[in-house]
Amino acid sequence: MAGSPADTFVTEADLARCIAQSVPGRATEAETTLYRRYAPRVRLFGLRHLRDAQAAADFMQQVMLVTIDQLRRGRLRDPDKLGSFIFGVCRAIMLELRRGGARRKRILEQYQSDLAAIEPVEPAALDGDRVTRCLQDLPERERAVLVMTFYEEKPAHEVAAILGLTPGNVRVIRHRGLMRLRQCIAGSEAVP
């Protein structure tokens, strides 16, 4: 395979130096070579400890991302020890995964009886026609503010610029419009 990217970086130290000395994101050939050389071994490490193929694949991605980030930042003191550095990252991330898993297990055991007592709440179904009718019945300015805020996803300062208002005024109008819309949808009163 003469001419492949892996041939460019004969040693691990060459690979580490290239990534560390390049502008972040510009050493794509070196980063690709690093990934190809180490990702399969990191995945096997994850598979051996996690015993789940998907979890091992996620673990591999996380380790490789952290490794490349650390190399870009120049955190590897001895480029000749790239392999040791990567497997040190593996051990640190695996330890954190285990701590987090143990923490979740303790919390679940502690609050399990409370969780069993809680009944899931079904979200209320909205009548689309009623919502549309209530929205149409709102005063024009309130309707415009609500549509721009929730449908067009514009922040208050953009809505204010369009309507010639202050952002604070837009927030007040939005609050009042939402109250009227809720009341109308709930059927407690018609929109005045």
C-alpha atoms as a PDB file:
ATOM      1  CA  MET A   1       0.000   0.000   0.000  1.00  0.00           C
ATOM      2  CA  ALA A   2       2.568   2.566  -1.010  1.00  0.00           C
ATOM      3  CA  GLY A   3       1.350   6.132  -0.888  1.00  0.00           C
ATOM      4  CA  SER A   4      -1.325   5.586   1.757  1.00  0.00           C
ATOM      5  CA  PRO A   5      -1.692   8.227   4.509  1.00  0.00           C
ATOM      6  CA  ALA A   6      -0.370   5.758   7.104  1.00  0.00           C
ATOM      7  CA  ASP A   7       2.996   5.645   5.263  1.00  0.00           C
ATOM      8  CA  THR A   8       3.534   9.364   5.935  1.00  0.00           C
ATOM      9  CA  PHE A   9       3.704   8.820   9.703  1.00  0.00           C
ATOM     10  CA  VAL A  10       6.235   6.105  10.330  1.00  0.00           C
ATOM     11  CA  THR A  11       6.291   6.400  14.114  1.00  0.00           C
ATOM     12  CA  GLU A  12       3.695   7.202  16.725  1.00  0.00           C
ATOM     13  CA  ALA A  13       5.806  10.204  17.745  1.00  0.00           C
ATOM     14  CA  ASP A  14       5.633  11.619  14.177  1.00  0.00           C
ATOM     15  CA  LEU A  15       1.885  11.264  14.290  1.00  0.00           C
ATOM     16  CA  ALA A  16       1.536  12.954  17.688  1.00  0.00           C
ATOM     17  CA  ARG A  17       3.877  15.810  16.737  1.00  0.00           C
ATOM     18  CA  CYS A  18       2.034  16.488  13.492  1.00  0.00           C
ATOM     19  CA  ILE A  19      -1.315  16.819  15.307  1.00  0.00           C
ATOM     20  CA  ALA A  20       0.141  18.916  18.128  1.00  0.00           C
ATOM     21  CA  GLN A  21       2.024  21.305  15.828  1.00  0.00           C
ATOM     22  CA  SER A  22      -0.777  21.875  13.320  1.00  0.00           C
ATOM     23  CA  VAL A  23      -3.582  24.373  13.502  1.00  0.00           C
ATOM     24  CA  PRO A  24      -6.548  22.544  15.090  1.00  0.00           C
ATOM     25  CA  GLY A  25      -8.568  20.808  12.409  1.00  0.00           C
ATOM     26  CA  ARG A  26      -5.835  21.129   9.763  1.00  0.00           C
ATOM     27  CA  ALA A  27      -4.009  17.850  10.463  1.00  0.00           C
ATOM     28  CA  THR A  28      -6.788  15.728   9.017  1.00  0.00           C
ATOM     29  CA  GLU A  29      -4.438  13.173   7.484  1.00  0.00           C
ATOM     30  CA  ALA A  30      -2.641  12.653  10.802  1.00  0.00           C
ATOM     31  CA  GLU A  31      -5.895  12.536  12.765  1.00  0.00           C
ATOM     32  CA  THR A  32      -7.357  10.034  10.293  1.00  0.00           C
ATOM     33  CA  THR A  33      -4.260   7.867  10.588  1.00  0.00           C
ATOM     34  CA  LEU A  34      -4.443   8.047  14.395  1.00  0.00           C
ATOM     35  CA  TYR A  35      -8.091   7.029  14.281  1.00  0.00           C
ATOM     36  CA  ARG A  36      -7.431   4.110  11.919  1.00  0.00           C
ATOM     37  CA  ARG A  37      -4.540   2.827  14.018  1.00  0.00           C
ATOM     38  CA  TYR A  38      -6.133   3.100  17.450  1.00  0.00           C
ATOM     39  CA  ALA A  39      -9.929   3.060  17.132  1.00  0.00           C
ATOM     40  CA  PRO A  40     -10.191  -0.741  16.673  1.00  0.00           C
ATOM     41  CA  ARG A  41      -8.010  -1.358  19.744  1.00  0.00           C
ATOM     42  CA  VAL A  42      -9.941   1.184  21.815  1.00  0.00           C
ATOM     43  CA  ARG A  43     -13.226  -0.433  20.750  1.00  0.00           C
ATOM     44  CA  LEU A  44     -11.933  -3.843  21.869  1.00  0.00           C
ATOM     45  CA  PHE A  45     -10.917  -2.316  25.205  1.00  0.00           C
ATOM     46  CA  GLY A  46     -14.446  -0.943  25.574  1.00  0.00           C
ATOM     47  CA  LEU A  47     -16.038  -4.223  24.510  1.00  0.00           C
ATOM     48  CA  ARG A  48     -13.982  -6.179  27.037  1.00  0.00           C
ATOM     49  CA  HIS A  49     -15.046  -3.870  29.883  1.00  0.00           C
ATOM     50  CA  LEU A  50     -18.578  -2.921  28.850  1.00  0.00           C
ATOM     51  CA  ARG A  51     -19.667  -6.185  27.173  1.00  0.00           C
ATOM     52  CA  ASP A  52     -21.972  -4.302  24.815  1.00  0.00           C
ATOM     53  CA  ALA A  53     -21.134  -3.553  21.185  1.00  0.00           C
ATOM     54  CA  GLN A  54     -23.017  -0.241  21.011  1.00  0.00           C
ATOM     55  CA  ALA A  55     -21.616   0.985  24.323  1.00  0.00           C
ATOM     56  CA  ALA A  56     -18.118   0.007  23.137  1.00  0.00           C
ATOM     57  CA  ALA A  57     -18.608   1.963  19.891  1.00  0.00           C
ATOM     58  CA  ASP A  58     -19.749   5.028  21.856  1.00  0.00           C
ATOM     59  CA  PHE A  59     -16.801   4.605  24.223  1.00  0.00           C
ATOM     60  CA  MET A  60     -14.398   4.415  21.273  1.00  0.00           C
ATOM     61  CA  GLN A  61     -15.757   7.648  19.797  1.00  0.00           C
ATOM     62  CA  GLN A  62     -15.469   9.448  23.116  1.00  0.00           C
ATOM     63  CA  VAL A  63     -11.892   8.257  23.702  1.00  0.00           C
ATOM     64  CA  MET A  64     -10.767   9.208  20.208  1.00  0.00           C
ATOM     65  CA  LEU A  65     -12.370  12.660  20.464  1.00  0.00           C
ATOM     66  CA  VAL A  66     -10.738  13.333  23.829  1.00  0.00           C
ATOM     67  CA  THR A  67      -7.392  12.034  22.554  1.00  0.00           C
ATOM     68  CA  ILE A  68      -7.389  14.220  19.442  1.00  0.00           C
ATOM     69  CA  ASP A  69      -8.473  17.230  21.494  1.00  0.00           C
ATOM     70  CA  GLN A  70      -5.682  16.648  24.010  1.00  0.00           C
ATOM     71  CA  LEU A  71      -3.115  16.230  21.235  1.00  0.00           C
ATOM     72  CA  ARG A  72      -4.289  19.449  19.566  1.00  0.00           C
ATOM     73  CA  ARG A  73      -3.812  21.256  22.875  1.00  0.00           C
ATOM     74  CA  GLY A  74      -0.289  19.878  23.245  1.00  0.00           C
ATOM     75  CA  ARG A  75      -1.060  17.897  26.405  1.00  0.00           C
ATOM     76  CA  LEU A  76       1.117  14.914  25.432  1.00  0.00           C
ATOM     77  CA  ARG A  77       4.544  15.519  26.985  1.00  0.00           C
ATOM     78  CA  ASP A  78       6.343  12.560  25.401  1.00  0.00           C
ATOM     79  CA  PRO A  79       5.232  11.885  21.789  1.00  0.00           C
ATOM     80  CA  ASP A  80       6.963   8.482  21.913  1.00  0.00           C
ATOM     81  CA  LYS A  81       4.334   7.346  24.433  1.00  0.00           C
ATOM     82  CA  LEU A  82       1.251   7.996  22.318  1.00  0.00           C
ATOM     83  CA  GLY A  83      -0.138   4.490  22.850  1.00  0.00           C
ATOM     84  CA  SER A  84       0.230   4.739  26.623  1.00  0.00           C
ATOM     85  CA  PHE A  85      -1.432   8.158  26.519  1.00  0.00           C
ATOM     86  CA  ILE A  86      -4.432   6.828  24.571  1.00  0.00           C
ATOM     87  CA  PHE A  87      -4.926   3.880  26.899  1.00  0.00           C
ATOM     88  CA  GLY A  88      -4.595   6.229  29.868  1.00  0.00           C
ATOM     89  CA  VAL A  89      -7.509   8.176  28.377  1.00  0.00           C
ATOM     90  CA  CYS A  90      -9.346   4.832  28.009  1.00  0.00           C
ATOM     91  CA  ARG A  91      -8.845   3.990  31.675  1.00  0.00           C
ATOM     92  CA  ALA A  92      -9.913   7.465  32.840  1.00  0.00           C
ATOM     93  CA  ILE A  93     -13.104   7.453  30.770  1.00  0.00           C
ATOM     94  CA  MET A  94     -13.925   3.874  31.791  1.00  0.00           C
ATOM     95  CA  LEU A  95     -13.479   4.801  35.451  1.00  0.00           C
ATOM     96  CA  GLU A  96     -15.811   7.778  35.009  1.00  0.00           C
ATOM     97  CA  LEU A  97     -18.398   5.567  33.266  1.00  0.00           C
ATOM     98  CA  ARG A  98     -18.276   3.096  36.140  1.00  0.00           C
ATOM     99  CA  ARG A  99     -18.559   5.826  38.764  1.00  0.00           C
ATOM    100  CA  GLY A 100     -21.542   7.315  36.948  1.00  0.00           C
ATOM    101  CA  GLY A 101     -23.161   3.892  36.629  1.00  0.00           C
ATOM    102  CA  ALA A 102     -22.636   3.137  40.311  1.00  0.00           C
ATOM    103  CA  ARG A 103     -24.020   6.564  41.225  1.00  0.00           C
ATOM    104  CA  ARG A 104     -27.126   6.010  39.067  1.00  0.00           C
ATOM    105  CA  LYS A 105     -27.627   2.568  40.609  1.00  0.00           C
ATOM    106  CA  ARG A 106     -27.428   3.953  44.182  1.00  0.00           C
ATOM    107  CA  ILE A 107     -29.881   6.748  43.369  1.00  0.00           C
ATOM    108  CA  LEU A 108     -32.267   4.322  41.683  1.00  0.00           C
ATOM    109  CA  GLU A 109     -32.160   1.955  44.670  1.00  0.00           C
ATOM    110  CA  GLN A 110     -32.704   4.839  47.080  1.00  0.00           C
ATOM    111  CA  TYR A 111     -35.702   6.309  45.241  1.00  0.00           C
ATOM    112  CA  GLN A 112     -37.121   3.211  43.547  1.00  0.00           C
ATOM    113  CA  SER A 113     -40.131   2.975  45.861  1.00  0.00           C
ATOM    114  CA  ASP A 114     -40.962   6.636  45.185  1.00  0.00           C
ATOM    115  CA  LEU A 115     -40.734   6.113  41.424  1.00  0.00           C
ATOM    116  CA  ALA A 116     -43.090   3.129  41.522  1.00  0.00           C
ATOM    117  CA  ALA A 117     -45.765   5.250  43.226  1.00  0.00           C
ATOM    118  CA  ILE A 118     -45.733   7.928  40.522  1.00  0.00           C
ATOM    119  CA  GLU A 119     -48.219   7.360  37.747  1.00  0.00           C
ATOM    120  CA  PRO A 120     -47.178   8.639  34.337  1.00  0.00           C
ATOM    121  CA  VAL A 121     -49.235  11.616  33.259  1.00  0.00           C
ATOM    122  CA  GLU A 122     -50.650  11.520  29.766  1.00  0.00           C
ATOM    123  CA  PRO A 123     -50.248  14.826  27.968  1.00  0.00           C
ATOM    124  CA  ALA A 124     -53.516  16.553  27.270  1.00  0.00           C
ATOM    125  CA  ALA A 125     -54.643  16.320  23.688  1.00  0.00           C
ATOM    126  CA  LEU A 126     -55.269  19.680  22.092  1.00  0.00           C
ATOM    127  CA  ASP A 127     -58.147  20.392  19.777  1.00  0.00           C
ATOM    128  CA  GLY A 128     -56.381  21.995  16.798  1.00  0.00           C
ATOM    129  CA  ASP A 129     -59.525  23.720  15.568  1.00  0.00           C
ATOM    130  CA  ARG A 130     -60.161  25.254  18.970  1.00  0.00           C
ATOM    131  CA  VAL A 131     -56.550  26.468  19.251  1.00  0.00           C
ATOM    132  CA  THR A 132     -56.777  28.039  15.783  1.00  0.00           C
ATOM    133  CA  ARG A 133     -60.105  29.701  16.599  1.00  0.00           C
ATOM    134  CA  CYS A 134     -58.790  31.024  19.929  1.00  0.00           C
ATOM    135  CA  LEU A 135     -55.631  32.318  18.266  1.00  0.00           C
ATOM    136  CA  GLN A 136     -57.695  34.082  15.584  1.00  0.00           C
ATOM    137  CA  ASP A 137     -59.875  35.666  18.277  1.00  0.00           C
ATOM    138  CA  LEU A 138     -56.892  37.304  20.009  1.00  0.00           C
ATOM    139  CA  PRO A 139     -56.225  40.990  19.391  1.00  0.00           C
ATOM    140  CA  GLU A 140     -54.016  41.435  16.322  1.00  0.00           C
ATOM    141  CA  ARG A 141     -50.898  42.584  18.190  1.00  0.00           C
ATOM    142  CA  GLU A 142     -51.027  39.679  20.686  1.00  0.00           C
ATOM    143  CA  ARG A 143     -51.587  37.198  17.859  1.00  0.00           C
ATOM    144  CA  ALA A 144     -48.652  38.670  15.886  1.00  0.00           C
ATOM    145  CA  VAL A 145     -46.332  38.442  18.911  1.00  0.00           C
ATOM    146  CA  LEU A 146     -47.337  34.835  19.650  1.00  0.00           C
ATOM    147  CA  VAL A 147     -46.970  33.731  16.019  1.00  0.00           C
ATOM    148  CA  MET A 148     -43.565  35.391  15.635  1.00  0.00           C
ATOM    149  CA  THR A 149     -42.364  34.007  18.978  1.00  0.00           C
ATOM    150  CA  PHE A 150     -43.576  30.406  18.784  1.00  0.00           C
ATOM    151  CA  TYR A 151     -44.112  29.693  15.107  1.00  0.00           C
ATOM    152  CA  GLU A 152     -41.285  31.718  13.571  1.00  0.00           C
ATOM    153  CA  GLU A 153     -39.096  31.259  16.701  1.00  0.00           C
ATOM    154  CA  LYS A 154     -37.984  34.893  16.808  1.00  0.00           C
ATOM    155  CA  PRO A 155     -36.497  36.288  20.035  1.00  0.00           C
ATOM    156  CA  ALA A 156     -38.147  39.244  21.771  1.00  0.00           C
ATOM    157  CA  HIS A 157     -35.690  41.820  20.404  1.00  0.00           C
ATOM    158  CA  GLU A 158     -36.413  40.780  16.775  1.00  0.00           C
ATOM    159  CA  VAL A 159     -40.182  40.833  17.329  1.00  0.00           C
ATOM    160  CA  ALA A 160     -39.797  44.265  18.945  1.00  0.00           C
ATOM    161  CA  ALA A 161     -37.861  45.615  15.950  1.00  0.00           C
ATOM    162  CA  ILE A 162     -40.467  44.320  13.496  1.00  0.00           C
ATOM    163  CA  LEU A 163     -43.453  45.671  15.442  1.00  0.00           C
ATOM    164  CA  GLY A 164     -41.833  48.915  16.616  1.00  0.00           C
ATOM    165  CA  LEU A 165     -41.999  47.970  20.309  1.00  0.00           C
ATOM    166  CA  THR A 166     -39.485  47.503  23.106  1.00  0.00           C
ATOM    167  CA  PRO A 167     -38.392  43.941  23.979  1.00  0.00           C
ATOM    168  CA  GLY A 168     -39.931  44.385  27.439  1.00  0.00           C
ATOM    169  CA  ASN A 169     -43.254  45.355  25.885  1.00  0.00           C
ATOM    170  CA  VAL A 170     -43.099  42.289  23.632  1.00  0.00           C
ATOM    171  CA  ARG A 171     -42.634  40.053  26.681  1.00  0.00           C
ATOM    172  CA  VAL A 172     -45.627  41.643  28.441  1.00  0.00           C
ATOM    173  CA  ILE A 173     -47.816  41.277  25.332  1.00  0.00           C
ATOM    174  CA  ARG A 174     -46.677  37.661  24.923  1.00  0.00           C
ATOM    175  CA  HIS A 175     -47.505  36.901  28.571  1.00  0.00           C
ATOM    176  CA  ARG A 176     -50.986  38.426  28.277  1.00  0.00           C
ATOM    177  CA  GLY A 177     -51.606  36.713  24.961  1.00  0.00           C
ATOM    178  CA  LEU A 178     -50.651  33.331  26.390  1.00  0.00           C
ATOM    179  CA  MET A 179     -52.964  33.853  29.376  1.00  0.00           C
ATOM    180  CA  ARG A 180     -55.880  34.705  27.090  1.00  0.00           C
ATOM    181  CA  LEU A 181     -55.079  31.810  24.772  1.00  0.00           C
ATOM    182  CA  ARG A 182     -54.955  29.354  27.717  1.00  0.00           C
ATOM    183  CA  GLN A 183     -58.260  30.643  29.077  1.00  0.00           C
ATOM    184  CA  CYS A 184     -59.910  30.352  25.677  1.00  0.00           C
ATOM    185  CA  ILE A 185     -58.612  26.837  25.051  1.00  0.00           C
ATOM    186  CA  ALA A 186     -59.669  25.733  28.545  1.00  0.00           C
ATOM    187  CA  GLY A 187     -63.107  27.200  27.772  1.00  0.00           C
ATOM    188  CA  SER A 188     -63.208  29.282  30.949  1.00  0.00           C
ATOM    189  CA  GLU A 189     -63.925  32.490  29.065  1.00  0.00           C
ATOM    190  CA  ALA A 190     -64.032  33.830  25.566  1.00  0.00           C
ATOM    191  CA  VAL A 191     -61.319  36.146  24.362  1.00  0.00           C
ATOM    192  CA  PRO A 192     -62.529  39.759  24.814  1.00  0.00           C
END
